[in-house]
């Protein structure tokens, strides 16, 4: 299976980066291939311009899509699965990842008439959270994140879709030490069984 990883974290000194590395180890061990877009390393421009707005809001397919967006769209169509790896900021993905979706999910590619985006076999979101899973579930935040990422952003674009939370990973909390190895083993298994 060819997996497209969309990774979004500003620092390599993070658990999110460690999770990315361990997930890739699992992919390699299973014989999967992968490509990656590291949104911060590639300095992805996530700002929506007025031209972007006009193209998307007025469904103007004749307005050109920028080459850097076409490259990301080709990565999707050249893959069997897409995996998003990111920290949770204020019950959502980081702004840069949301901007990536805003700009790459263009009219005529991800939605609208004559869509060019292939139906992916799988979509997986690996969300690293500070809160415990119990807190995320009891507050309704886990359901809200699942609804937004899988129900709206992925929607009909993948046959199978799933979000997993690697919880309790805030610096300075004991849960971070307790969960570190357990979460890395789990994310490795996610790579193995893509």
Protein backbone atom coordinates (compact mmCIF):
# COMPACT_ATOMS: atom_id res chain seq x y z
CA UNK A 1 0.00 0.00 0.00
CA UNK A 2 1.23 3.51 -0.79
CA UNK A 3 0.50 5.92 2.06
CA UNK A 4 0.49 9.71 1.86
CA UNK A 5 1.35 11.23 5.26
CA UNK A 6 0.34 14.83 5.90
CA UNK A 7 2.34 15.81 8.97
CA UNK A 8 1.81 19.07 10.83
CA UNK A 9 3.93 20.10 13.81
CA UNK A 10 6.34 23.05 14.09
CA UNK A 11 9.01 21.21 16.11
CA UNK A 12 11.01 18.02 15.82
CA UNK A 13 11.41 18.18 19.60
CA UNK A 14 7.90 16.83 20.19
CA UNK A 15 6.05 13.64 20.88
CA UNK A 16 4.15 14.22 17.63
CA UNK A 17 7.43 13.95 15.73
CA UNK A 18 8.32 10.75 17.61
CA UNK A 19 4.90 9.32 16.74
CA UNK A 20 5.47 10.18 13.08
CA UNK A 21 8.83 8.35 13.12
CA UNK A 22 7.36 5.28 14.83
CA UNK A 23 4.39 5.17 12.42
CA UNK A 24 6.83 5.25 9.47
CA UNK A 25 8.84 2.41 11.08
CA UNK A 26 5.65 0.35 11.16
CA UNK A 27 4.88 1.14 7.52
CA UNK A 28 8.38 0.09 6.45
CA UNK A 29 8.29 -3.12 8.52
CA UNK A 30 5.05 -4.09 6.76
CA UNK A 31 6.47 -3.34 3.31
CA UNK A 32 4.29 -0.30 2.66
CA UNK A 33 5.69 2.68 0.78
CA UNK A 34 5.00 6.27 1.76
CA UNK A 35 5.37 9.87 0.74
CA UNK A 36 5.17 12.75 3.18
CA UNK A 37 4.23 16.39 3.22
CA UNK A 38 5.76 17.97 6.32
CA UNK A 39 3.79 21.21 6.24
CA UNK A 40 6.15 23.23 8.44
CA UNK A 41 9.36 21.94 6.83
CA UNK A 42 8.02 22.73 3.36
CA UNK A 43 6.74 26.11 4.58
CA UNK A 44 3.31 25.35 3.15
CA UNK A 45 1.37 28.58 2.54
CA UNK A 46 -1.93 27.84 4.22
CA UNK A 47 -3.38 31.33 3.81
CA UNK A 48 -6.54 31.48 1.71
CA UNK A 49 -6.22 34.32 -0.81
CA UNK A 50 -9.02 36.32 -2.38
CA UNK A 51 -8.42 34.42 -5.62
CA UNK A 52 -8.69 31.12 -3.71
CA UNK A 53 -11.94 32.34 -2.19
CA UNK A 54 -13.38 33.37 -5.54
CA UNK A 55 -12.44 30.07 -7.12
CA UNK A 56 -14.02 28.04 -4.30
CA UNK A 57 -16.99 30.20 -3.29
CA UNK A 58 -18.15 30.90 -6.84
CA UNK A 59 -17.15 27.49 -8.25
CA UNK A 60 -14.92 29.10 -10.88
CA UNK A 61 -12.96 26.14 -12.18
CA UNK A 62 -11.41 28.34 -14.87
CA UNK A 63 -9.35 30.16 -12.20
CA UNK A 64 -6.04 28.28 -12.04
CA UNK A 65 -4.94 26.15 -9.12
CA UNK A 66 -1.38 26.93 -8.01
CA UNK A 67 1.32 24.40 -8.85
CA UNK A 68 2.12 23.68 -5.17
CA UNK A 69 -1.52 22.67 -4.69
CA UNK A 70 -1.51 20.50 -7.82
CA UNK A 71 1.56 18.72 -6.41
CA UNK A 72 -0.34 17.88 -3.21
CA UNK A 73 -3.33 16.70 -5.23
CA UNK A 74 -1.07 14.41 -7.28
CA UNK A 75 0.31 12.96 -4.05
CA UNK A 76 -3.24 12.06 -3.04
CA UNK A 77 -4.12 10.50 -6.38
CA UNK A 78 -0.85 8.54 -6.43
CA UNK A 79 -1.64 6.98 -3.03
CA UNK A 80 -3.95 4.33 -1.62
CA UNK A 81 -4.35 5.93 1.79
CA UNK A 82 -3.92 9.29 3.51
CA UNK A 83 -2.75 9.72 7.10
CA UNK A 84 -2.84 12.98 9.03
CA UNK A 85 -0.50 13.22 12.03
CA UNK A 86 -0.92 16.34 14.17
CA UNK A 87 -1.28 17.77 17.68
CA UNK A 88 -4.69 18.97 18.82
CA UNK A 89 -4.86 22.73 19.33
CA UNK A 90 -8.11 24.02 20.85
CA UNK A 91 -10.10 20.91 19.87
CA UNK A 92 -8.95 20.96 16.25
CA UNK A 93 -6.00 20.42 13.98
CA UNK A 94 -3.39 23.20 13.75
CA UNK A 95 -4.32 26.13 11.51
CA UNK A 96 -1.67 25.13 8.95
CA UNK A 97 -3.30 21.72 8.48
CA UNK A 98 -6.78 23.22 8.25
CA UNK A 99 -5.38 25.63 5.65
CA UNK A 100 -3.87 22.69 3.74
CA UNK A 101 -7.30 21.07 3.55
CA UNK A 102 -8.93 24.40 2.60
CA UNK A 103 -6.49 24.84 -0.27
CA UNK A 104 -5.99 21.24 -1.47
CA UNK A 105 -9.66 20.15 -1.31
CA UNK A 106 -10.48 22.37 -4.31
CA UNK A 107 -13.67 22.54 -6.33
CA UNK A 108 -13.40 20.04 -9.15
CA UNK A 109 -10.87 17.98 -7.20
CA UNK A 110 -12.32 17.05 -3.80
CA UNK A 111 -15.89 18.24 -4.30
CA UNK A 112 -18.27 19.56 -6.91
CA UNK A 113 -18.89 18.35 -10.41
CA UNK A 114 -16.44 16.03 -12.18
CA UNK A 115 -14.27 15.48 -9.10
CA UNK A 116 -10.72 14.37 -9.92
CA UNK A 117 -9.81 13.10 -6.44
CA UNK A 118 -9.70 9.32 -6.29
CA UNK A 119 -11.62 7.40 -3.68
CA UNK A 120 -8.92 6.41 -1.21
CA UNK A 121 -8.94 3.00 0.42
CA UNK A 122 -8.22 4.44 3.86
CA UNK A 123 -7.97 7.69 5.77
CA UNK A 124 -6.44 7.79 9.24
CA UNK A 125 -6.08 10.73 11.60
CA UNK A 126 -3.55 10.40 14.41
CA UNK A 127 -4.30 13.23 16.83
CA UNK A 128 -2.01 13.86 19.77
CA UNK A 129 -3.83 15.43 22.71
CA UNK A 130 -2.95 16.90 26.06
CA UNK A 131 -6.20 15.86 27.69
CA UNK A 132 -7.07 12.31 28.66
CA UNK A 133 -9.40 10.34 26.42
CA UNK A 134 -11.94 10.23 29.27
CA UNK A 135 -11.97 14.04 29.39
CA UNK A 136 -12.27 14.28 25.60
CA UNK A 137 -15.19 11.85 25.54
CA UNK A 138 -17.08 13.27 28.54
CA UNK A 139 -16.78 16.86 27.24
CA UNK A 140 -17.94 15.88 23.74
CA UNK A 141 -14.66 17.07 22.24
CA UNK A 142 -13.68 13.64 20.89
CA UNK A 143 -17.01 13.33 19.07
CA UNK A 144 -16.69 16.88 17.73
CA UNK A 145 -13.19 16.23 16.37
CA UNK A 146 -14.30 12.95 14.83
CA UNK A 147 -17.29 14.63 13.21
CA UNK A 148 -15.20 17.45 11.74
CA UNK A 149 -12.24 15.36 10.52
CA UNK A 150 -14.08 12.24 9.38
CA UNK A 151 -17.62 13.44 8.77
CA UNK A 152 -16.77 16.69 7.02
CA UNK A 153 -13.17 16.79 5.82
CA UNK A 154 -12.79 13.11 4.84
CA UNK A 155 -16.48 12.34 4.30
CA UNK A 156 -16.94 10.27 1.11
CA UNK A 157 -13.28 10.59 0.07
CA UNK A 158 -12.18 7.27 1.63
CA UNK A 159 -13.74 3.83 1.92
CA UNK A 160 -12.51 3.40 5.49
CA UNK A 161 -11.86 6.28 7.87
CA UNK A 162 -10.72 6.44 11.45
CA UNK A 163 -9.39 8.87 14.03
CA UNK A 164 -7.23 7.78 16.96
CA UNK A 165 -6.25 9.92 19.92
CA UNK A 166 -2.87 9.55 21.57
CA UNK A 167 -3.98 11.18 24.79
CA UNK A 168 -2.46 12.65 27.92
CA UNK A 169 0.68 13.95 26.23
CA UNK A 170 1.01 17.47 27.71
CA UNK A 171 4.49 18.31 28.98
CA UNK A 172 4.78 18.40 32.74
CA UNK A 173 2.07 15.81 33.41
CA UNK A 174 2.77 12.32 34.73
CA UNK A 175 0.47 10.85 32.07
CA UNK A 176 3.01 11.87 29.43
CA UNK A 177 5.64 9.59 30.98
CA UNK A 178 3.13 6.78 31.50
CA UNK A 179 1.71 6.97 27.97
CA UNK A 180 4.87 7.63 25.96
CA UNK A 181 5.99 4.05 25.21
CA UNK A 182 2.44 2.69 25.07
CA UNK A 183 1.42 5.28 22.45
CA UNK A 184 4.56 4.71 20.37
CA UNK A 185 3.92 0.94 20.33
CA UNK A 186 0.34 1.60 19.26
CA UNK A 187 1.26 4.00 16.47
CA UNK A 188 3.86 1.50 15.22
CA UNK A 189 1.08 -1.11 15.00
CA UNK A 190 -1.07 1.38 13.07
CA UNK A 191 1.72 1.58 10.49
CA UNK A 192 2.05 -2.19 10.37
CA UNK A 193 -1.61 -2.79 9.73
CA UNK A 194 -2.45 0.00 7.29
